[in-house]
Amino acid sequence: MSEHRQAIRMRRLKEARLVFNGRKSVMNCTVRNASTVGAKLLMAEPHLVPAEFELAISGADPRLARKIWFKEGEMGVKFL
């Protein structure tokens, strides 16, 4: 399988939060890998996440992100 990412992703295992719905909704997740342009998140119900949200990774400033793909327990995001 060939790799088509814009940047190399580094393995991570960090806690994070997805914030959306006017900052009224929060979901917890784990960052599995990340780069300057995106990340792979592990979470219970990725199908409930809206198309765009704020991703707050532990130890870093929050970033706007867009859901690119998801399947059971995983989600790929692109940073905006």
PDB file of N, CA and C in Angstrom:
ATOM      1  N   MET A   1       0.849  -1.176   0.000  1.00  0.00           N
ATOM      2  CA  MET A   1       0.000   0.000   0.000  1.00  0.00           C
ATOM      3  C   MET A   1       0.895   1.239   0.000  1.00  0.00           C
ATOM      4  N   SER A   2       0.681   2.151  -0.900  1.00  0.00           N
ATOM      5  CA  SER A   2       1.503   3.355  -0.962  1.00  0.00           C
ATOM      6  C   SER A   2       0.956   4.435  -0.031  1.00  0.00           C
ATOM      7  N   GLU A   3       1.839   5.297   0.385  1.00  0.00           N
ATOM      8  CA  GLU A   3       1.527   6.372   1.316  1.00  0.00           C
ATOM      9  C   GLU A   3       1.334   7.667   0.543  1.00  0.00           C
ATOM     10  N   HIS A   4       0.206   8.377   0.751  1.00  0.00           N
ATOM     11  CA  HIS A   4      -0.091   9.595   0.007  1.00  0.00           C
ATOM     12  C   HIS A   4      -0.260  10.804   0.921  1.00  0.00           C
ATOM     13  N   ARG A   5       0.322  10.803   2.082  1.00  0.00           N
ATOM     14  CA  ARG A   5       0.166  11.922   3.013  1.00  0.00           C
ATOM     15  C   ARG A   5       1.084  13.070   2.634  1.00  0.00           C
ATOM     16  N   GLN A   6       0.671  14.288   3.030  1.00  0.00           N
ATOM     17  CA  GLN A   6       1.462  15.481   2.751  1.00  0.00           C
ATOM     18  C   GLN A   6       2.658  15.597   3.680  1.00  0.00           C
ATOM     19  N   ALA A   7       2.572  15.009   4.875  1.00  0.00           N
ATOM     20  CA  ALA A   7       3.650  15.098   5.859  1.00  0.00           C
ATOM     21  C   ALA A   7       3.754  13.781   6.606  1.00  0.00           C
ATOM     22  N   ILE A   8       4.938  13.461   7.061  1.00  0.00           N
ATOM     23  CA  ILE A   8       5.155  12.228   7.819  1.00  0.00           C
ATOM     24  C   ILE A   8       4.470  12.333   9.171  1.00  0.00           C
ATOM     25  N   ARG A   9       3.745  11.295   9.530  1.00  0.00           N
ATOM     26  CA  ARG A   9       3.069  11.275  10.827  1.00  0.00           C
ATOM     27  C   ARG A   9       3.943  10.565  11.847  1.00  0.00           C
ATOM     28  N   MET A  10       3.974  11.128  13.035  1.00  0.00           N
ATOM     29  CA  MET A  10       4.734  10.555  14.136  1.00  0.00           C
ATOM     30  C   MET A  10       3.766   9.848  15.078  1.00  0.00           C
ATOM     31  N   ARG A  11       4.149   8.686  15.561  1.00  0.00           N
ATOM     32  CA  ARG A  11       3.304   7.953  16.493  1.00  0.00           C
ATOM     33  C   ARG A  11       3.145   8.742  17.782  1.00  0.00           C
ATOM     34  N   ARG A  12       1.934   8.738  18.292  1.00  0.00           N
ATOM     35  CA  ARG A  12       1.604   9.449  19.527  1.00  0.00           C
ATOM     36  C   ARG A  12       0.653   8.583  20.334  1.00  0.00           C
ATOM     37  N   LEU A  13       0.543   8.890  21.590  1.00  0.00           N
ATOM     38  CA  LEU A  13      -0.465   8.292  22.451  1.00  0.00           C
ATOM     39  C   LEU A  13      -0.803   9.359  23.483  1.00  0.00           C
ATOM     40  N   LYS A  14      -1.554  10.375  23.018  1.00  0.00           N
ATOM     41  CA  LYS A  14      -1.898  11.515  23.860  1.00  0.00           C
ATOM     42  C   LYS A  14      -3.402  11.651  23.988  1.00  0.00           C
ATOM     43  N   GLU A  15      -3.824  12.096  25.144  1.00  0.00           N
ATOM     44  CA  GLU A  15      -5.234  12.376  25.356  1.00  0.00           C
ATOM     45  C   GLU A  15      -5.599  13.666  24.649  1.00  0.00           C
ATOM     46  N   ALA A  16      -6.847  13.739  24.179  1.00  0.00           N
ATOM     47  CA  ALA A  16      -7.323  14.942  23.503  1.00  0.00           C
ATOM     48  C   ALA A  16      -8.830  15.058  23.688  1.00  0.00           C
ATOM     49  N   ARG A  17      -9.345  16.241  23.331  1.00  0.00           N
ATOM     50  CA  ARG A  17     -10.795  16.496  23.386  1.00  0.00           C
ATOM     51  C   ARG A  17     -11.231  17.145  22.092  1.00  0.00           C
ATOM     52  N   LEU A  18     -12.401  16.730  21.617  1.00  0.00           N
ATOM     53  CA  LEU A  18     -13.043  17.371  20.478  1.00  0.00           C
ATOM     54  C   LEU A  18     -14.116  18.282  21.052  1.00  0.00           C
ATOM     55  N   VAL A  19     -14.102  19.546  20.656  1.00  0.00           N
ATOM     56  CA  VAL A  19     -15.053  20.531  21.166  1.00  0.00           C
ATOM     57  C   VAL A  19     -15.864  21.062  19.985  1.00  0.00           C
ATOM     58  N   PHE A  20     -17.194  21.054  20.128  1.00  0.00           N
ATOM     59  CA  PHE A  20     -18.058  21.500  19.027  1.00  0.00           C
ATOM     60  C   PHE A  20     -19.401  21.946  19.582  1.00  0.00           C
ATOM     61  N   ASN A  21     -20.331  22.278  18.702  1.00  0.00           N
ATOM     62  CA  ASN A  21     -21.675  22.700  19.094  1.00  0.00           C
ATOM     63  C   ASN A  21     -21.619  23.970  19.947  1.00  0.00           C
ATOM     64  N   GLY A  22     -20.878  24.961  19.459  1.00  0.00           N
ATOM     65  CA  GLY A  22     -20.767  26.219  20.193  1.00  0.00           C
ATOM     66  C   GLY A  22     -20.089  26.051  21.544  1.00  0.00           C
ATOM     67  N   ARG A  23     -19.138  25.109  21.622  1.00  0.00           N
ATOM     68  CA  ARG A  23     -18.386  24.793  22.839  1.00  0.00           C
ATOM     69  C   ARG A  23     -19.274  24.165  23.917  1.00  0.00           C
ATOM     70  N   LYS A  24     -20.445  23.642  23.531  1.00  0.00           N
ATOM     71  CA  LYS A  24     -21.350  22.986  24.476  1.00  0.00           C
ATOM     72  C   LYS A  24     -21.157  21.477  24.525  1.00  0.00           C
ATOM     73  N   SER A  25     -20.488  20.908  23.508  1.00  0.00           N
ATOM     74  CA  SER A  25     -20.286  19.461  23.435  1.00  0.00           C
ATOM     75  C   SER A  25     -18.801  19.135  23.412  1.00  0.00           C
ATOM     76  N   VAL A  26     -18.435  18.094  24.165  1.00  0.00           N
ATOM     77  CA  VAL A  26     -17.043  17.651  24.252  1.00  0.00           C
ATOM     78  C   VAL A  26     -17.005  16.131  24.165  1.00  0.00           C
ATOM     79  N   MET A  27     -16.059  15.598  23.388  1.00  0.00           N
ATOM     80  CA  MET A  27     -15.836  14.154  23.315  1.00  0.00           C
ATOM     81  C   MET A  27     -14.353  13.901  23.563  1.00  0.00           C
ATOM     82  N   ASN A  28     -14.051  12.876  24.339  1.00  0.00           N
ATOM     83  CA  ASN A  28     -12.667  12.495  24.598  1.00  0.00           C
ATOM     84  C   ASN A  28     -12.170  11.546  23.521  1.00  0.00           C
ATOM     85  N   CYS A  29     -10.866  11.605  23.258  1.00  0.00           N
ATOM     86  CA  CYS A  29     -10.255  10.703  22.290  1.00  0.00           C
ATOM     87  C   CYS A  29      -8.776  10.544  22.631  1.00  0.00           C
ATOM     88  N   THR A  30      -8.115   9.667  21.878  1.00  0.00           N
ATOM     89  CA  THR A  30      -6.675   9.475  21.997  1.00  0.00           C
ATOM     90  C   THR A  30      -6.061   9.717  20.629  1.00  0.00           C
ATOM     91  N   VAL A  31      -4.979  10.501  20.588  1.00  0.00           N
ATOM     92  CA  VAL A  31      -4.269  10.749  19.334  1.00  0.00           C
ATOM     93  C   VAL A  31      -3.299   9.590  19.126  1.00  0.00           C
ATOM     94  N   ARG A  32      -3.483   8.863  18.044  1.00  0.00           N
ATOM     95  CA  ARG A  32      -2.646   7.694  17.751  1.00  0.00           C
ATOM     96  C   ARG A  32      -1.413   8.074  16.952  1.00  0.00           C
ATOM     97  N   ASN A  33      -1.592   8.993  15.979  1.00  0.00           N
ATOM     98  CA  ASN A  33      -0.451   9.550  15.262  1.00  0.00           C
ATOM     99  C   ASN A  33      -0.826  10.943  14.795  1.00  0.00           C
ATOM    100  N   ALA A  34       0.187  11.765  14.522  1.00  0.00           N
ATOM    101  CA  ALA A  34      -0.086  13.148  14.132  1.00  0.00           C
ATOM    102  C   ALA A  34       1.064  13.713  13.310  1.00  0.00           C
ATOM    103  N   SER A  35       0.729  14.715  12.501  1.00  0.00           N
ATOM    104  CA  SER A  35       1.716  15.467  11.735  1.00  0.00           C
ATOM    105  C   SER A  35       1.307  16.928  11.799  1.00  0.00           C
ATOM    106  N   THR A  36       1.956  17.757  11.026  1.00  0.00           N
ATOM    107  CA  THR A  36       1.599  19.170  10.992  1.00  0.00           C
ATOM    108  C   THR A  36       0.281  19.408  10.270  1.00  0.00           C
ATOM    109  N   VAL A  37      -0.174  18.430   9.476  1.00  0.00           N
ATOM    110  CA  VAL A  37      -1.388  18.628   8.674  1.00  0.00           C
ATOM    111  C   VAL A  37      -2.579  17.775   9.092  1.00  0.00           C
ATOM    112  N   GLY A  38      -2.383  16.782   9.958  1.00  0.00           N
ATOM    113  CA  GLY A  38      -3.508  15.943  10.340  1.00  0.00           C
ATOM    114  C   GLY A  38      -3.160  14.955  11.430  1.00  0.00           C
ATOM    115  N   ALA A  39      -4.157  14.107  11.768  1.00  0.00           N
ATOM    116  CA  ALA A  39      -3.969  13.141  12.844  1.00  0.00           C
ATOM    117  C   ALA A  39      -4.943  11.982  12.702  1.00  0.00           C
ATOM    118  N   LYS A  40      -4.607  10.889  13.369  1.00  0.00           N
ATOM    119  CA  LYS A  40      -5.510   9.742  13.486  1.00  0.00           C
ATOM    120  C   LYS A  40      -5.930   9.667  14.946  1.00  0.00           C
ATOM    121  N   LEU A  41      -7.242   9.639  15.166  1.00  0.00           N
ATOM    122  CA  LEU A  41      -7.789   9.632  16.518  1.00  0.00           C
ATOM    123  C   LEU A  41      -8.481   8.308  16.796  1.00  0.00           C
ATOM    124  N   LEU A  42      -8.367   7.841  18.028  1.00  0.00           N
ATOM    125  CA  LEU A  42      -9.094   6.673  18.498  1.00  0.00           C
ATOM    126  C   LEU A  42     -10.186   7.168  19.422  1.00  0.00           C
ATOM    127  N   MET A  43     -11.427   6.730  19.166  1.00  0.00           N
ATOM    128  CA  MET A  43     -12.546   7.190  19.979  1.00  0.00           C
ATOM    129  C   MET A  43     -13.721   6.236  19.848  1.00  0.00           C
ATOM    130  N   ALA A  44     -14.663   6.354  20.774  1.00  0.00           N
ATOM    131  CA  ALA A  44     -15.777   5.413  20.833  1.00  0.00           C
ATOM    132  C   ALA A  44     -16.770   5.577  19.685  1.00  0.00           C
ATOM    133  N   GLU A  45     -17.188   6.784  19.363  1.00  0.00           N
ATOM    134  CA  GLU A  45     -18.253   6.993  18.384  1.00  0.00           C
ATOM    135  C   GLU A  45     -17.918   8.101  17.385  1.00  0.00           C
ATOM    136  N   PRO A  46     -16.984   7.842  16.482  1.00  0.00           N
ATOM    137  CA  PRO A  46     -16.591   8.896  15.535  1.00  0.00           C
ATOM    138  C   PRO A  46     -17.713   9.344  14.610  1.00  0.00           C
ATOM    139  N   HIS A  47     -18.725   8.526  14.406  1.00  0.00           N
ATOM    140  CA  HIS A  47     -19.838   8.913  13.529  1.00  0.00           C
ATOM    141  C   HIS A  47     -20.669  10.058  14.113  1.00  0.00           C
ATOM    142  N   LEU A  48     -20.517  10.328  15.418  1.00  0.00           N
ATOM    143  CA  LEU A  48     -21.260  11.421  16.056  1.00  0.00           C
ATOM    144  C   LEU A  48     -20.552  12.773  15.957  1.00  0.00           C
ATOM    145  N   VAL A  49     -19.331  12.780  15.467  1.00  0.00           N
ATOM    146  CA  VAL A  49     -18.535  14.004  15.380  1.00  0.00           C
ATOM    147  C   VAL A  49     -18.964  14.804  14.146  1.00  0.00           C
ATOM    148  N   PRO A  50     -19.171  16.124  14.290  1.00  0.00           N
ATOM    149  CA  PRO A  50     -19.523  16.941  13.121  1.00  0.00           C
ATOM    150  C   PRO A  50     -18.344  17.058  12.155  1.00  0.00           C
ATOM    151  N   ALA A  51     -18.611  17.619  10.983  1.00  0.00           N
ATOM    152  CA  ALA A  51     -17.584  17.741   9.944  1.00  0.00           C
ATOM    153  C   ALA A  51     -16.390  18.581  10.397  1.00  0.00           C
ATOM    154  N   GLU A  52     -16.623  19.659  11.158  1.00  0.00           N
ATOM    155  CA  GLU A  52     -15.546  20.512  11.657  1.00  0.00           C
ATOM    156  C   GLU A  52     -15.701  20.722  13.147  1.00  0.00           C
ATOM    157  N   PHE A  53     -14.579  20.820  13.832  1.00  0.00           N
ATOM    158  CA  PHE A  53     -14.567  20.926  15.294  1.00  0.00           C
ATOM    159  C   PHE A  53     -13.216  21.457  15.750  1.00  0.00           C
ATOM    160  N   GLU A  54     -13.091  21.714  17.033  1.00  0.00           N
ATOM    161  CA  GLU A  54     -11.824  22.120  17.635  1.00  0.00           C
ATOM    162  C   GLU A  54     -11.212  20.895  18.299  1.00  0.00           C
ATOM    163  N   LEU A  55      -9.934  20.649  18.037  1.00  0.00           N
ATOM    164  CA  LEU A  55      -9.228  19.527  18.645  1.00  0.00           C
ATOM    165  C   LEU A  55      -8.215  20.075  19.637  1.00  0.00           C
ATOM    166  N   ALA A  56      -8.382  19.712  20.900  1.00  0.00           N
ATOM    167  CA  ALA A  56      -7.480  20.161  21.967  1.00  0.00           C
ATOM    168  C   ALA A  56      -6.651  18.963  22.424  1.00  0.00           C
ATOM    169  N   ILE A  57      -5.401  18.896  21.947  1.00  0.00           N
ATOM    170  CA  ILE A  57      -4.488  17.820  22.317  1.00  0.00           C
ATOM    171  C   ILE A  57      -3.736  18.229  23.579  1.00  0.00           C
ATOM    172  N   SER A  58      -3.631  17.313  24.508  1.00  0.00           N
ATOM    173  CA  SER A  58      -2.942  17.579  25.767  1.00  0.00           C
ATOM    174  C   SER A  58      -1.547  18.148  25.511  1.00  0.00           C
ATOM    175  N   GLY A  59      -1.250  19.291  26.120  1.00  0.00           N
ATOM    176  CA  GLY A  59       0.052  19.916  25.989  1.00  0.00           C
ATOM    177  C   GLY A  59       0.234  20.791  24.761  1.00  0.00           C
ATOM    178  N   ALA A  60      -0.832  21.022  23.989  1.00  0.00           N
ATOM    179  CA  ALA A  60      -0.731  21.846  22.777  1.00  0.00           C
ATOM    180  C   ALA A  60      -1.923  22.794  22.693  1.00  0.00           C
ATOM    181  N   ASP A  61      -1.782  23.851  21.899  1.00  0.00           N
ATOM    182  CA  ASP A  61      -2.884  24.784  21.670  1.00  0.00           C
ATOM    183  C   ASP A  61      -3.982  24.094  20.861  1.00  0.00           C
ATOM    184  N   PRO A  62      -5.249  24.409  21.124  1.00  0.00           N
ATOM    185  CA  PRO A  62      -6.352  23.839  20.334  1.00  0.00           C
ATOM    186  C   PRO A  62      -6.232  24.245  18.865  1.00  0.00           C
ATOM    187  N   ARG A  63      -6.676  23.348  17.970  1.00  0.00           N
ATOM    188  CA  ARG A  63      -6.636  23.601  16.533  1.00  0.00           C
ATOM    189  C   ARG A  63      -7.975  23.234  15.919  1.00  0.00           C
ATOM    190  N   LEU A  64      -8.362  23.977  14.895  1.00  0.00           N
ATOM    191  CA  LEU A  64      -9.550  23.607  14.131  1.00  0.00           C
ATOM    192  C   LEU A  64      -9.202  22.404  13.260  1.00  0.00           C
ATOM    193  N   ALA A  65     -10.158  21.478  13.144  1.00  0.00           N
ATOM    194  CA  ALA A  65      -9.919  20.268  12.361  1.00  0.00           C
ATOM    195  C   ALA A  65     -11.170  19.897  11.583  1.00  0.00           C
ATOM    196  N   ARG A  66     -10.966  19.116  10.530  1.00  0.00           N
ATOM    197  CA  ARG A  66     -12.060  18.614   9.699  1.00  0.00           C
ATOM    198  C   ARG A  66     -11.970  17.089   9.648  1.00  0.00           C
ATOM    199  N   LYS A  67     -13.107  16.429   9.825  1.00  0.00           N
ATOM    200  CA  LYS A  67     -13.171  14.968   9.729  1.00  0.00           C
ATOM    201  C   LYS A  67     -13.014  14.583   8.259  1.00  0.00           C
ATOM    202  N   ILE A  68     -12.035  13.710   7.962  1.00  0.00           N
ATOM    203  CA  ILE A  68     -11.763  13.270   6.602  1.00  0.00           C
ATOM    204  C   ILE A  68     -12.331  11.868   6.367  1.00  0.00           C
ATOM    205  N   TRP A  69     -12.147  10.983   7.315  1.00  0.00           N
ATOM    206  CA  TRP A  69     -12.663   9.620   7.225  1.00  0.00           C
ATOM    207  C   TRP A  69     -12.925   9.102   8.629  1.00  0.00           C
ATOM    208  N   PHE A  70     -13.757   8.067   8.720  1.00  0.00           N
ATOM    209  CA  PHE A  70     -13.945   7.391   9.998  1.00  0.00           C
ATOM    210  C   PHE A  70     -14.418   5.969   9.766  1.00  0.00           C
ATOM    211  N   LYS A  71     -14.113   5.132  10.717  1.00  0.00           N
ATOM    212  CA  LYS A  71     -14.634   3.774  10.786  1.00  0.00           C
ATOM    213  C   LYS A  71     -14.740   3.437  12.262  1.00  0.00           C
ATOM    214  N   GLU A  72     -15.212   2.279  12.574  1.00  0.00           N
ATOM    215  CA  GLU A  72     -15.454   1.931  13.966  1.00  0.00           C
ATOM    216  C   GLU A  72     -14.218   2.172  14.847  1.00  0.00           C
ATOM    217  N   GLY A  73     -14.348   3.126  15.758  1.00  0.00           N
ATOM    218  CA  GLY A  73     -13.297   3.399  16.729  1.00  0.00           C
ATOM    219  C   GLY A  73     -12.143   4.262  16.263  1.00  0.00           C
ATOM    220  N   GLU A  74     -12.140   4.715  14.997  1.00  0.00           N
ATOM    221  CA  GLU A  74     -11.042   5.516  14.471  1.00  0.00           C
ATOM    222  C   GLU A  74     -11.567   6.642  13.597  1.00  0.00           C
ATOM    223  N   MET A  75     -10.758   7.715  13.527  1.00  0.00           N
ATOM    224  CA  MET A  75     -11.126   8.839  12.678  1.00  0.00           C
ATOM    225  C   MET A  75      -9.864   9.548  12.214  1.00  0.00           C
ATOM    226  N   GLY A  76      -9.820   9.927  10.933  1.00  0.00           N
ATOM    227  CA  GLY A  76      -8.725  10.714  10.393  1.00  0.00           C
ATOM    228  C   GLY A  76      -9.172  12.153  10.257  1.00  0.00           C
ATOM    229  N   VAL A  77      -8.321  13.089  10.674  1.00  0.00           N
ATOM    230  CA  VAL A  77      -8.671  14.506  10.603  1.00  0.00           C
ATOM    231  C   VAL A  77      -7.575  15.294   9.905  1.00  0.00           C
ATOM    232  N   LYS A  78      -7.981  16.400   9.298  1.00  0.00           N
ATOM    233  CA  LYS A  78      -7.064  17.352   8.673  1.00  0.00           C
ATOM    234  C   LYS A  78      -7.166  18.652   9.468  1.00  0.00           C
ATOM    235  N   PHE A  79      -6.015  19.226   9.796  1.00  0.00           N
ATOM    236  CA  PHE A  79      -6.013  20.516  10.512  1.00  0.00           C
ATOM    237  C   PHE A  79      -6.287  21.639   9.529  1.00  0.00           C
ATOM    238  N   LEU A  80      -7.088  22.599   9.961  1.00  0.00           N
ATOM    239  CA  LEU A  80      -7.460  23.741   9.114  1.00  0.00           C
ATOM    240  C   LEU A  80      -6.598  24.944   9.429  1.00  0.00           C
TER     241      LEU A  80
END
